[in-house]
């Protein structure tokens, strides 16, 4: 469905000089700098998959999606989406994909969302019956049916994003690129969009690439993750494998029958949290047995739980450059 091989994008920017004389010199002798936004990006995604793409700002996620959408022409490399080369902008290709960007609008600001939907209906040649049914189902699922005829500028951010998603999916595209669709939304709106995306992917077998800074988006929706940093793919695999590969610690929670004295707790290593009836440790994997054995010998223990580090914390460490 999507195949990318050594896709590279180099941006060439004019180097500005300060001051009036610098501006005059640059008119006749311009100097340029280059930076690589996407560096030999390679991956394949089968039909119907929902894949998360993670990376810090400037990692190359959006640039990659723009090339796969045909908005940017790559400096080198090859890519096919549904068998089409994206930057050739074939009409059949454009009818079968959508790009939703959380910080860009496709809706007309001064018109109701319903007017944009009607325009999309004609552009994508959706029949009257299909249009009516799809709009009803989507708007009810997202609890936005009563807002379709309200001027877009008067909608809340969450309501606008729901309408953006409906507009992008009305023609039932085979491939959807979602670039931070939940950015800036409250928890309720984020949850509603996640549920809708998961349901749409399951019911229609749509291939989806999702970029997000919210780990809840990735955990709820994606089994596979592509991690990018400085334009390169650093990891491509299961979310559970990502945690195991980049996290050297486990979270050990020990519930006590009777909590020990503060002086005794101070003697313990790797303590990260002290509760009313429990102590939580962040323990290197090779020292788990020693920590749990020590607690069992010294304290009246009721229960022990060992779990992976939270995904959000693992990703935060990766972004900070500790594990790449």
C-alpha atoms as a PDB file:
ATOM      1  CA  UNK A   1       0.000   0.000   0.000  1.00  0.00           C
ATOM      2  CA  UNK A   2       2.746   2.485   1.011  1.00  0.00           C
ATOM      3  CA  UNK A   3       6.357   1.820   0.081  1.00  0.00           C
ATOM      4  CA  UNK A   4       9.144   4.320   0.757  1.00  0.00           C
ATOM      5  CA  UNK A   5      12.764   3.763  -0.242  1.00  0.00           C
ATOM      6  CA  UNK A   6      15.625   6.135   0.648  1.00  0.00           C
ATOM      7  CA  UNK A   7      13.342   9.171   0.518  1.00  0.00           C
ATOM      8  CA  UNK A   8      15.406  12.316   1.115  1.00  0.00           C
ATOM      9  CA  UNK A   9      14.452  15.980   1.262  1.00  0.00           C
ATOM     10  CA  UNK A  10      17.082  18.717   1.381  1.00  0.00           C
ATOM     11  CA  UNK A  11      15.966  22.295   1.904  1.00  0.00           C
ATOM     12  CA  UNK A  12      18.158  25.093   0.543  1.00  0.00           C
ATOM     13  CA  UNK A  13      17.643  28.412   2.324  1.00  0.00           C
ATOM     14  CA  UNK A  14      19.021  31.871   1.709  1.00  0.00           C
ATOM     15  CA  UNK A  15      21.548  32.934   4.339  1.00  0.00           C
ATOM     16  CA  UNK A  16      20.587  36.433   5.452  1.00  0.00           C
ATOM     17  CA  UNK A  17      23.160  39.024   6.401  1.00  0.00           C
ATOM     18  CA  UNK A  18      22.473  41.635   9.050  1.00  0.00           C
ATOM     19  CA  UNK A  19      22.261  45.350   8.294  1.00  0.00           C
ATOM     20  CA  UNK A  20      21.702  47.443   5.189  1.00  0.00           C
ATOM     21  CA  UNK A  21      25.050  46.627   3.584  1.00  0.00           C
ATOM     22  CA  UNK A  22      24.460  42.936   4.189  1.00  0.00           C
ATOM     23  CA  UNK A  23      21.095  43.140   2.444  1.00  0.00           C
ATOM     24  CA  UNK A  24      22.674  44.934  -0.528  1.00  0.00           C
ATOM     25  CA  UNK A  25      25.490  42.360  -0.793  1.00  0.00           C
ATOM     26  CA  UNK A  26      23.002  39.492  -0.702  1.00  0.00           C
ATOM     27  CA  UNK A  27      21.227  40.913  -3.750  1.00  0.00           C
ATOM     28  CA  UNK A  28      24.329  40.266  -5.877  1.00  0.00           C
ATOM     29  CA  UNK A  29      26.109  37.468  -4.063  1.00  0.00           C
ATOM     30  CA  UNK A  30      23.633  35.247  -2.272  1.00  0.00           C
ATOM     31  CA  UNK A  31      24.880  32.540   0.037  1.00  0.00           C
ATOM     32  CA  UNK A  32      22.808  29.481   0.851  1.00  0.00           C
ATOM     33  CA  UNK A  33      22.701  26.906   3.596  1.00  0.00           C
ATOM     34  CA  UNK A  34      21.286  23.407   3.316  1.00  0.00           C
ATOM     35  CA  UNK A  35      19.701  21.133   5.861  1.00  0.00           C
ATOM     36  CA  UNK A  36      18.341  17.617   5.512  1.00  0.00           C
ATOM     37  CA  UNK A  37      14.738  17.343   6.687  1.00  0.00           C
ATOM     38  CA  UNK A  38      14.339  13.690   5.679  1.00  0.00           C
ATOM     39  CA  UNK A  39      17.422  11.499   5.339  1.00  0.00           C
ATOM     40  CA  UNK A  40      17.082   8.208   3.389  1.00  0.00           C
ATOM     41  CA  UNK A  41      13.720   7.370   4.977  1.00  0.00           C
ATOM     42  CA  UNK A  42      12.691   3.779   4.180  1.00  0.00           C
ATOM     43  CA  UNK A  43       9.626   1.802   5.299  1.00  0.00           C
ATOM     44  CA  UNK A  44       6.608  -0.140   4.026  1.00  0.00           C
ATOM     45  CA  UNK A  45       3.071  -0.106   5.394  1.00  0.00           C
ATOM     46  CA  UNK A  46       0.490  -2.757   4.390  1.00  0.00           C
ATOM     47  CA  UNK A  47      -3.112  -1.992   3.546  1.00  0.00           C
ATOM     48  CA  UNK A  48      -5.330  -1.329   6.551  1.00  0.00           C
ATOM     49  CA  UNK A  49      -2.502  -0.685   9.032  1.00  0.00           C
ATOM     50  CA  UNK A  50      -2.581   2.157  11.565  1.00  0.00           C
ATOM     51  CA  UNK A  51       0.990   3.277  12.222  1.00  0.00           C
ATOM     52  CA  UNK A  52       2.227   5.936  14.636  1.00  0.00           C
ATOM     53  CA  UNK A  53       5.091   8.245  13.699  1.00  0.00           C
ATOM     54  CA  UNK A  54       6.929   9.801  16.629  1.00  0.00           C
ATOM     55  CA  UNK A  55       9.665  12.388  16.855  1.00  0.00           C
ATOM     56  CA  UNK A  56      10.547  15.722  18.380  1.00  0.00           C
ATOM     57  CA  UNK A  57       9.827  18.970  16.522  1.00  0.00           C
ATOM     58  CA  UNK A  58      11.983  19.074  13.413  1.00  0.00           C
ATOM     59  CA  UNK A  59      12.475  15.300  13.297  1.00  0.00           C
ATOM     60  CA  UNK A  60      11.102  15.077   9.745  1.00  0.00           C
ATOM     61  CA  UNK A  61       7.639  13.636  10.353  1.00  0.00           C
ATOM     62  CA  UNK A  62       5.605  16.343   8.626  1.00  0.00           C
ATOM     63  CA  UNK A  63       8.093  16.630   5.761  1.00  0.00           C
ATOM     64  CA  UNK A  64       7.746  12.887   5.143  1.00  0.00           C
ATOM     65  CA  UNK A  65       3.943  13.087   5.152  1.00  0.00           C
ATOM     66  CA  UNK A  66       4.017  16.060   2.766  1.00  0.00           C
ATOM     67  CA  UNK A  67       6.162  14.091   0.321  1.00  0.00           C
ATOM     68  CA  UNK A  68       3.804  11.108   0.569  1.00  0.00           C
ATOM     69  CA  UNK A  69       0.914  13.514  -0.083  1.00  0.00           C
ATOM     70  CA  UNK A  70       2.614  15.003  -3.134  1.00  0.00           C
ATOM     71  CA  UNK A  71       2.928  18.465  -1.589  1.00  0.00           C
ATOM     72  CA  UNK A  72       6.734  18.294  -1.632  1.00  0.00           C
ATOM     73  CA  UNK A  73       9.003  16.899  -4.316  1.00  0.00           C
ATOM     74  CA  UNK A  74      11.841  14.828  -2.774  1.00  0.00           C
ATOM     75  CA  UNK A  75      15.500  15.551  -3.414  1.00  0.00           C
ATOM     76  CA  UNK A  76      16.075  11.838  -4.033  1.00  0.00           C
ATOM     77  CA  UNK A  77      14.558   8.439  -3.365  1.00  0.00           C
ATOM     78  CA  UNK A  78      11.336   6.715  -4.362  1.00  0.00           C
ATOM     79  CA  UNK A  79       7.872   6.284  -2.884  1.00  0.00           C
ATOM     80  CA  UNK A  80       4.565   4.781  -3.944  1.00  0.00           C
ATOM     81  CA  UNK A  81       1.197   5.206  -2.266  1.00  0.00           C
ATOM     82  CA  UNK A  82      -1.547   2.882  -3.543  1.00  0.00           C
ATOM     83  CA  UNK A  83       0.752   2.202  -6.487  1.00  0.00           C
ATOM     84  CA  UNK A  84       0.992   5.909  -7.436  1.00  0.00           C
ATOM     85  CA  UNK A  85       4.008   8.199  -7.209  1.00  0.00           C
ATOM     86  CA  UNK A  86       2.620  10.961  -4.936  1.00  0.00           C
ATOM     87  CA  UNK A  87       4.366  14.002  -6.428  1.00  0.00           C
ATOM     88  CA  UNK A  88       3.019  13.194  -9.876  1.00  0.00           C
ATOM     89  CA  UNK A  89      -0.362  14.232  -8.411  1.00  0.00           C
ATOM     90  CA  UNK A  90      -2.439  11.793 -10.452  1.00  0.00           C
ATOM     91  CA  UNK A  91      -6.154  12.599 -10.138  1.00  0.00           C
ATOM     92  CA  UNK A  92      -7.037   9.059  -9.074  1.00  0.00           C
ATOM     93  CA  UNK A  93      -4.393   9.235  -6.348  1.00  0.00           C
ATOM     94  CA  UNK A  94      -5.745  12.551  -5.053  1.00  0.00           C
ATOM     95  CA  UNK A  95      -9.291  11.146  -4.888  1.00  0.00           C
ATOM     96  CA  UNK A  96      -8.198   8.327  -2.623  1.00  0.00           C
ATOM     97  CA  UNK A  97      -6.145   9.937   0.122  1.00  0.00           C
ATOM     98  CA  UNK A  98      -6.551  12.672   2.734  1.00  0.00           C
ATOM     99  CA  UNK A  99      -4.147  14.785   4.748  1.00  0.00           C
ATOM    100  CA  UNK A 100      -5.360  16.235   8.044  1.00  0.00           C
ATOM    101  CA  UNK A 101      -3.045  18.694   9.782  1.00  0.00           C
ATOM    102  CA  UNK A 102      -3.902  19.779  13.304  1.00  0.00           C
ATOM    103  CA  UNK A 103      -2.476  23.255  12.708  1.00  0.00           C
ATOM    104  CA  UNK A 104      -3.974  23.832   9.227  1.00  0.00           C
ATOM    105  CA  UNK A 105      -7.605  24.344   8.226  1.00  0.00           C
ATOM    106  CA  UNK A 106      -9.452  23.145   5.151  1.00  0.00           C
ATOM    107  CA  UNK A 107     -12.819  24.509   6.300  1.00  0.00           C
ATOM    108  CA  UNK A 108     -13.948  27.942   5.117  1.00  0.00           C
ATOM    109  CA  UNK A 109     -13.669  30.190   8.168  1.00  0.00           C
ATOM    110  CA  UNK A 110     -16.721  32.361   7.421  1.00  0.00           C
ATOM    111  CA  UNK A 111     -19.050  29.546   6.314  1.00  0.00           C
ATOM    112  CA  UNK A 112     -20.690  26.645   8.139  1.00  0.00           C
ATOM    113  CA  UNK A 113     -18.837  23.329   7.905  1.00  0.00           C
ATOM    114  CA  UNK A 114     -21.839  21.869   6.038  1.00  0.00           C
ATOM    115  CA  UNK A 115     -21.068  24.158   3.063  1.00  0.00           C
ATOM    116  CA  UNK A 116     -17.510  22.796   2.802  1.00  0.00           C
ATOM    117  CA  UNK A 117     -18.870  19.257   3.028  1.00  0.00           C
ATOM    118  CA  UNK A 118     -21.188  19.929   0.073  1.00  0.00           C
ATOM    119  CA  UNK A 119     -18.217  21.230  -1.927  1.00  0.00           C
ATOM    120  CA  UNK A 120     -16.253  18.074  -1.067  1.00  0.00           C
ATOM    121  CA  UNK A 121     -19.253  15.968  -2.095  1.00  0.00           C
ATOM    122  CA  UNK A 122     -19.099  17.396  -5.596  1.00  0.00           C
ATOM    123  CA  UNK A 123     -15.299  17.318  -5.825  1.00  0.00           C
ATOM    124  CA  UNK A 124     -15.139  13.647  -4.886  1.00  0.00           C
ATOM    125  CA  UNK A 125     -18.308  12.701  -6.785  1.00  0.00           C
ATOM    126  CA  UNK A 126     -20.128  11.260  -3.774  1.00  0.00           C
ATOM    127  CA  UNK A 127     -23.711  10.248  -4.490  1.00  0.00           C
ATOM    128  CA  UNK A 128     -26.536  12.003  -2.625  1.00  0.00           C
ATOM    129  CA  UNK A 129     -27.478   8.819  -0.738  1.00  0.00           C
ATOM    130  CA  UNK A 130     -23.893   8.049   0.334  1.00  0.00           C
ATOM    131  CA  UNK A 131     -23.264  11.659   1.327  1.00  0.00           C
ATOM    132  CA  UNK A 132     -26.378  11.862   3.516  1.00  0.00           C
ATOM    133  CA  UNK A 133     -25.669   8.536   5.219  1.00  0.00           C
ATOM    134  CA  UNK A 134     -21.959   9.166   5.803  1.00  0.00           C
ATOM    135  CA  UNK A 135     -22.464  12.683   7.154  1.00  0.00           C
ATOM    136  CA  UNK A 136     -25.191  11.476   9.515  1.00  0.00           C
ATOM    137  CA  UNK A 137     -23.087   8.594  10.847  1.00  0.00           C
ATOM    138  CA  UNK A 138     -19.903  10.623  11.294  1.00  0.00           C
ATOM    139  CA  UNK A 139     -21.520  13.680  12.853  1.00  0.00           C
ATOM    140  CA  UNK A 140     -23.505  11.553  15.312  1.00  0.00           C
ATOM    141  CA  UNK A 141     -20.460   9.488  16.221  1.00  0.00           C
ATOM    142  CA  UNK A 142     -18.496  12.660  16.963  1.00  0.00           C
ATOM    143  CA  UNK A 143     -21.508  14.333  18.636  1.00  0.00           C
ATOM    144  CA  UNK A 144     -21.277  17.323  16.308  1.00  0.00           C
ATOM    145  CA  UNK A 145     -24.538  17.039  14.321  1.00  0.00           C
ATOM    146  CA  UNK A 146     -26.027  20.197  15.877  1.00  0.00           C
ATOM    147  CA  UNK A 147     -22.954  22.282  14.897  1.00  0.00           C
ATOM    148  CA  UNK A 148     -22.756  21.560  11.168  1.00  0.00           C
ATOM    149  CA  UNK A 149     -24.649  24.743  10.207  1.00  0.00           C
ATOM    150  CA  UNK A 150     -22.806  27.019  12.629  1.00  0.00           C
ATOM    151  CA  UNK A 151     -20.208  29.400  11.189  1.00  0.00           C
ATOM    152  CA  UNK A 152     -16.780  27.733  11.554  1.00  0.00           C
ATOM    153  CA  UNK A 153     -15.244  30.767  13.297  1.00  0.00           C
ATOM    154  CA  UNK A 154     -17.822  30.339  16.091  1.00  0.00           C
ATOM    155  CA  UNK A 155     -16.929  26.713  16.806  1.00  0.00           C
ATOM    156  CA  UNK A 156     -14.595  25.632  19.586  1.00  0.00           C
ATOM    157  CA  UNK A 157     -11.213  24.143  18.684  1.00  0.00           C
ATOM    158  CA  UNK A 158     -12.479  20.628  19.411  1.00  0.00           C
ATOM    159  CA  UNK A 159     -15.607  21.143  17.309  1.00  0.00           C
ATOM    160  CA  UNK A 160     -13.566  22.520  14.404  1.00  0.00           C
ATOM    161  CA  UNK A 161     -11.193  19.553  14.520  1.00  0.00           C
ATOM    162  CA  UNK A 162     -14.100  17.115  14.442  1.00  0.00           C
ATOM    163  CA  UNK A 163     -15.473  18.889  11.377  1.00  0.00           C
ATOM    164  CA  UNK A 164     -12.022  18.866   9.756  1.00  0.00           C
ATOM    165  CA  UNK A 165     -11.897  15.106  10.228  1.00  0.00           C
ATOM    166  CA  UNK A 166     -15.361  14.610   8.760  1.00  0.00           C
ATOM    167  CA  UNK A 167     -14.453  16.719   5.729  1.00  0.00           C
ATOM    168  CA  UNK A 168     -11.326  14.667   5.152  1.00  0.00           C
ATOM    169  CA  UNK A 169     -13.060  11.290   5.440  1.00  0.00           C
ATOM    170  CA  UNK A 170     -16.399  11.857   3.695  1.00  0.00           C
ATOM    171  CA  UNK A 171     -15.116  10.322   0.455  1.00  0.00           C
ATOM    172  CA  UNK A 172     -13.835   7.234   2.321  1.00  0.00           C
ATOM    173  CA  UNK A 173     -10.172   7.583   1.300  1.00  0.00           C
ATOM    174  CA  UNK A 174      -8.000   4.478   1.163  1.00  0.00           C
ATOM    175  CA  UNK A 175      -5.046   6.287   2.785  1.00  0.00           C
ATOM    176  CA  UNK A 176      -5.151   8.975   5.482  1.00  0.00           C
ATOM    177  CA  UNK A 177      -2.253  11.004   6.881  1.00  0.00           C
ATOM    178  CA  UNK A 178      -3.076  12.526  10.279  1.00  0.00           C
ATOM    179  CA  UNK A 179      -0.513  15.103  11.376  1.00  0.00           C
ATOM    180  CA  UNK A 180      -1.111  15.851  15.076  1.00  0.00           C
ATOM    181  CA  UNK A 181      -4.933  15.817  14.817  1.00  0.00           C
ATOM    182  CA  UNK A 182      -5.455  16.143  18.591  1.00  0.00           C
ATOM    183  CA  UNK A 183      -3.037  19.022  19.212  1.00  0.00           C
ATOM    184  CA  UNK A 184      -4.451  21.632  21.590  1.00  0.00           C
ATOM    185  CA  UNK A 185      -7.656  19.696  22.291  1.00  0.00           C
ATOM    186  CA  UNK A 186      -9.046  18.989  25.750  1.00  0.00           C
ATOM    187  CA  UNK A 187      -9.125  15.435  27.121  1.00  0.00           C
ATOM    188  CA  UNK A 188     -12.755  14.805  26.151  1.00  0.00           C
ATOM    189  CA  UNK A 189     -12.234  15.927  22.540  1.00  0.00           C
ATOM    190  CA  UNK A 190      -8.998  13.921  22.271  1.00  0.00           C
ATOM    191  CA  UNK A 191     -10.761  10.764  23.439  1.00  0.00           C
ATOM    192  CA  UNK A 192     -13.651  11.286  20.998  1.00  0.00           C
ATOM    193  CA  UNK A 193     -11.270  11.702  18.038  1.00  0.00           C
ATOM    194  CA  UNK A 194      -9.232   8.639  19.032  1.00  0.00           C
ATOM    195  CA  UNK A 195     -12.345   6.473  19.229  1.00  0.00           C
ATOM    196  CA  UNK A 196     -13.555   7.766  15.866  1.00  0.00           C
ATOM    197  CA  UNK A 197     -10.189   7.152  14.157  1.00  0.00           C
ATOM    198  CA  UNK A 198      -9.944   3.619  15.575  1.00  0.00           C
ATOM    199  CA  UNK A 199     -13.499   2.780  14.474  1.00  0.00           C
ATOM    200  CA  UNK A 200     -13.005   4.223  10.985  1.00  0.00           C
ATOM    201  CA  UNK A 201      -9.779   2.264  10.509  1.00  0.00           C
ATOM    202  CA  UNK A 202     -11.413  -0.985  11.656  1.00  0.00           C
ATOM    203  CA  UNK A 203     -14.647  -0.640   9.660  1.00  0.00           C
ATOM    204  CA  UNK A 204     -13.153   0.569   6.368  1.00  0.00           C
ATOM    205  CA  UNK A 205      -9.671  -0.935   6.386  1.00  0.00           C
ATOM    206  CA  UNK A 206      -8.167   2.505   5.800  1.00  0.00           C
ATOM    207  CA  UNK A 207      -4.381   2.771   5.901  1.00  0.00           C
ATOM    208  CA  UNK A 208      -3.467   5.506   8.406  1.00  0.00           C
ATOM    209  CA  UNK A 209      -0.212   7.173   9.421  1.00  0.00           C
ATOM    210  CA  UNK A 210      -0.615   9.205  12.606  1.00  0.00           C
ATOM    211  CA  UNK A 211       1.886  11.687  14.005  1.00  0.00           C
ATOM    212  CA  UNK A 212       1.354  12.974  17.519  1.00  0.00           C
ATOM    213  CA  UNK A 213       3.059  14.419  20.585  1.00  0.00           C
ATOM    214  CA  UNK A 214       0.431  12.804  22.824  1.00  0.00           C
ATOM    215  CA  UNK A 215       1.475   9.326  23.911  1.00  0.00           C
ATOM    216  CA  UNK A 216      -2.159   8.448  24.662  1.00  0.00           C
ATOM    217  CA  UNK A 217      -2.870   8.767  20.915  1.00  0.00           C
ATOM    218  CA  UNK A 218      -0.122   6.291  20.076  1.00  0.00           C
ATOM    219  CA  UNK A 219      -0.894   3.839  22.896  1.00  0.00           C
ATOM    220  CA  UNK A 220      -4.606   3.689  22.120  1.00  0.00           C
ATOM    221  CA  UNK A 221      -4.383   3.543  18.321  1.00  0.00           C
ATOM    222  CA  UNK A 222      -1.057   2.133  17.143  1.00  0.00           C
ATOM    223  CA  UNK A 223       0.593  -1.246  17.506  1.00  0.00           C
ATOM    224  CA  UNK A 224       3.490  -0.237  15.244  1.00  0.00           C
ATOM    225  CA  UNK A 225       5.637   2.861  15.755  1.00  0.00           C
ATOM    226  CA  UNK A 226       8.146   4.626  13.516  1.00  0.00           C
ATOM    227  CA  UNK A 227      10.514   6.803  15.562  1.00  0.00           C
ATOM    228  CA  UNK A 228      12.299   9.627  13.722  1.00  0.00           C
ATOM    229  CA  UNK A 229      15.129  11.875  14.840  1.00  0.00           C
ATOM    230  CA  UNK A 230      16.993  14.458  12.736  1.00  0.00           C
ATOM    231  CA  UNK A 231      15.358  13.160   9.574  1.00  0.00           C
ATOM    232  CA  UNK A 232      16.289   9.526  10.087  1.00  0.00           C
ATOM    233  CA  UNK A 233      14.302   6.528  11.253  1.00  0.00           C
ATOM    234  CA  UNK A 234      15.749   5.333  14.551  1.00  0.00           C
ATOM    235  CA  UNK A 235      13.212   2.603  15.218  1.00  0.00           C
ATOM    236  CA  UNK A 236      10.439   0.812  13.327  1.00  0.00           C
ATOM    237  CA  UNK A 237       8.493  -1.879  15.145  1.00  0.00           C
ATOM    238  CA  UNK A 238       5.988  -2.708  17.868  1.00  0.00           C
ATOM    239  CA  UNK A 239       5.266  -0.237  20.651  1.00  0.00           C
ATOM    240  CA  UNK A 240       6.069  -2.876  23.268  1.00  0.00           C
ATOM    241  CA  UNK A 241       9.405  -3.565  21.552  1.00  0.00           C
ATOM    242  CA  UNK A 242      10.193   0.166  21.587  1.00  0.00           C
ATOM    243  CA  UNK A 243       9.698   0.312  25.344  1.00  0.00           C
ATOM    244  CA  UNK A 244      11.802  -2.799  25.873  1.00  0.00           C
ATOM    245  CA  UNK A 245      14.607  -1.568  23.601  1.00  0.00           C
ATOM    246  CA  UNK A 246      14.973   1.970  24.905  1.00  0.00           C
ATOM    247  CA  UNK A 247      14.081   1.508  28.564  1.00  0.00           C
ATOM    248  CA  UNK A 248      16.737   0.050  30.841  1.00  0.00           C
ATOM    249  CA  UNK A 249      14.495   0.230  33.922  1.00  0.00           C
ATOM    250  CA  UNK A 250      11.346  -1.380  35.280  1.00  0.00           C
ATOM    251  CA  UNK A 251       8.783   0.051  37.696  1.00  0.00           C
ATOM    252  CA  UNK A 252       8.499  -2.020  40.865  1.00  0.00           C
ATOM    253  CA  UNK A 253       5.629  -1.234  43.241  1.00  0.00           C
ATOM    254  CA  UNK A 254       5.658  -2.907  46.655  1.00  0.00           C
ATOM    255  CA  UNK A 255       2.515  -2.724  48.808  1.00  0.00           C
ATOM    256  CA  UNK A 256       3.213  -2.995  52.534  1.00  0.00           C
ATOM    257  CA  UNK A 257       1.163  -4.475  55.358  1.00  0.00           C
ATOM    258  CA  UNK A 258       2.791  -1.858  57.585  1.00  0.00           C
ATOM    259  CA  UNK A 259       4.778   1.026  56.137  1.00  0.00           C
ATOM    260  CA  UNK A 260       8.398   1.155  57.381  1.00  0.00           C
ATOM    261  CA  UNK A 261       9.880   4.142  59.159  1.00  0.00           C
ATOM    262  CA  UNK A 262      11.278   7.006  57.084  1.00  0.00           C
ATOM    263  CA  UNK A 263      14.806   6.170  58.243  1.00  0.00           C
ATOM    264  CA  UNK A 264      14.455   2.651  56.858  1.00  0.00           C
ATOM    265  CA  UNK A 265      13.094   3.875  53.522  1.00  0.00           C
ATOM    266  CA  UNK A 266      16.033   6.270  53.175  1.00  0.00           C
ATOM    267  CA  UNK A 267      18.379   3.278  53.164  1.00  0.00           C
ATOM    268  CA  UNK A 268      16.709   1.842  50.047  1.00  0.00           C
ATOM    269  CA  UNK A 269      17.981   2.469  46.507  1.00  0.00           C
ATOM    270  CA  UNK A 270      15.969   3.509  43.450  1.00  0.00           C
ATOM    271  CA  UNK A 271      12.932   4.833  45.373  1.00  0.00           C
ATOM    272  CA  UNK A 272      10.834   7.081  43.111  1.00  0.00           C
ATOM    273  CA  UNK A 273       7.596   7.466  45.060  1.00  0.00           C
ATOM    274  CA  UNK A 274       6.332   6.858  48.588  1.00  0.00           C
ATOM    275  CA  UNK A 275       2.583   6.380  49.117  1.00  0.00           C
ATOM    276  CA  UNK A 276       0.376   5.698  52.127  1.00  0.00           C
ATOM    277  CA  UNK A 277       0.782   1.943  51.820  1.00  0.00           C
ATOM    278  CA  UNK A 278       3.317   1.425  49.044  1.00  0.00           C
ATOM    279  CA  UNK A 279       6.795   2.265  47.777  1.00  0.00           C
ATOM    280  CA  UNK A 280       7.545   2.592  44.056  1.00  0.00           C
ATOM    281  CA  UNK A 281      11.004   1.980  42.634  1.00  0.00           C
ATOM    282  CA  UNK A 282      12.567   2.632  39.220  1.00  0.00           C
ATOM    283  CA  UNK A 283      15.011  -0.232  39.058  1.00  0.00           C
ATOM    284  CA  UNK A 284      17.597  -1.265  36.443  1.00  0.00           C
ATOM    285  CA  UNK A 285      16.400  -4.538  34.961  1.00  0.00           C
ATOM    286  CA  UNK A 286      19.391  -6.534  36.211  1.00  0.00           C
ATOM    287  CA  UNK A 287      18.791  -5.425  39.818  1.00  0.00           C
ATOM    288  CA  UNK A 288      15.070  -6.213  40.151  1.00  0.00           C
ATOM    289  CA  UNK A 289      15.678  -9.506  41.966  1.00  0.00           C
ATOM    290  CA  UNK A 290      17.959  -7.841  44.506  1.00  0.00           C
ATOM    291  CA  UNK A 291      15.537  -4.998  45.304  1.00  0.00           C
ATOM    292  CA  UNK A 292      12.496  -7.260  45.694  1.00  0.00           C
ATOM    293  CA  UNK A 293      14.433  -9.811  47.784  1.00  0.00           C
ATOM    294  CA  UNK A 294      15.694  -7.062  50.092  1.00  0.00           C
ATOM    295  CA  UNK A 295      12.170  -5.752  50.681  1.00  0.00           C
ATOM    296  CA  UNK A 296      10.744  -9.236  51.282  1.00  0.00           C
ATOM    297  CA  UNK A 297      13.398  -9.929  53.903  1.00  0.00           C
ATOM    298  CA  UNK A 298      13.110  -6.586  55.696  1.00  0.00           C
ATOM    299  CA  UNK A 299       9.419  -5.609  55.539  1.00  0.00           C
ATOM    300  CA  UNK A 300       5.933  -7.152  55.817  1.00  0.00           C
ATOM    301  CA  UNK A 301       5.052  -7.162  52.109  1.00  0.00           C
ATOM    302  CA  UNK A 302       1.455  -7.628  50.921  1.00  0.00           C
ATOM    303  CA  UNK A 303       1.954  -7.435  47.154  1.00  0.00           C
ATOM    304  CA  UNK A 304       4.605  -6.811  44.467  1.00  0.00           C
ATOM    305  CA  UNK A 305       3.945  -5.472  40.949  1.00  0.00           C
ATOM    306  CA  UNK A 306       6.601  -5.230  38.237  1.00  0.00           C
ATOM    307  CA  UNK A 307       5.769  -3.280  35.056  1.00  0.00           C
ATOM    308  CA  UNK A 308       7.404  -1.521  32.106  1.00  0.00           C
ATOM    309  CA  UNK A 309       8.237   2.159  32.243  1.00  0.00           C
ATOM    310  CA  UNK A 310       5.337   4.361  31.031  1.00  0.00           C
ATOM    311  CA  UNK A 311       5.600   4.891  27.276  1.00  0.00           C
ATOM    312  CA  UNK A 312       5.491   8.673  27.662  1.00  0.00           C
ATOM    313  CA  UNK A 313       8.526   8.608  29.936  1.00  0.00           C
ATOM    314  CA  UNK A 314      10.459   6.342  27.579  1.00  0.00           C
ATOM    315  CA  UNK A 315       9.712   8.640  24.636  1.00  0.00           C
ATOM    316  CA  UNK A 316      10.697  11.697  26.680  1.00  0.00           C
ATOM    317  CA  UNK A 317      14.081  10.129  27.370  1.00  0.00           C
ATOM    318  CA  UNK A 318      14.527   9.259  23.710  1.00  0.00           C
ATOM    319  CA  UNK A 319      13.669  12.808  22.615  1.00  0.00           C
ATOM    320  CA  UNK A 320      16.129  14.238  25.113  1.00  0.00           C
ATOM    321  CA  UNK A 321      18.874  12.264  23.382  1.00  0.00           C
ATOM    322  CA  UNK A 322      19.671   9.868  26.181  1.00  0.00           C
ATOM    323  CA  UNK A 323      18.998   6.661  24.279  1.00  0.00           C
ATOM    324  CA  UNK A 324      19.491   7.439  20.577  1.00  0.00           C
END
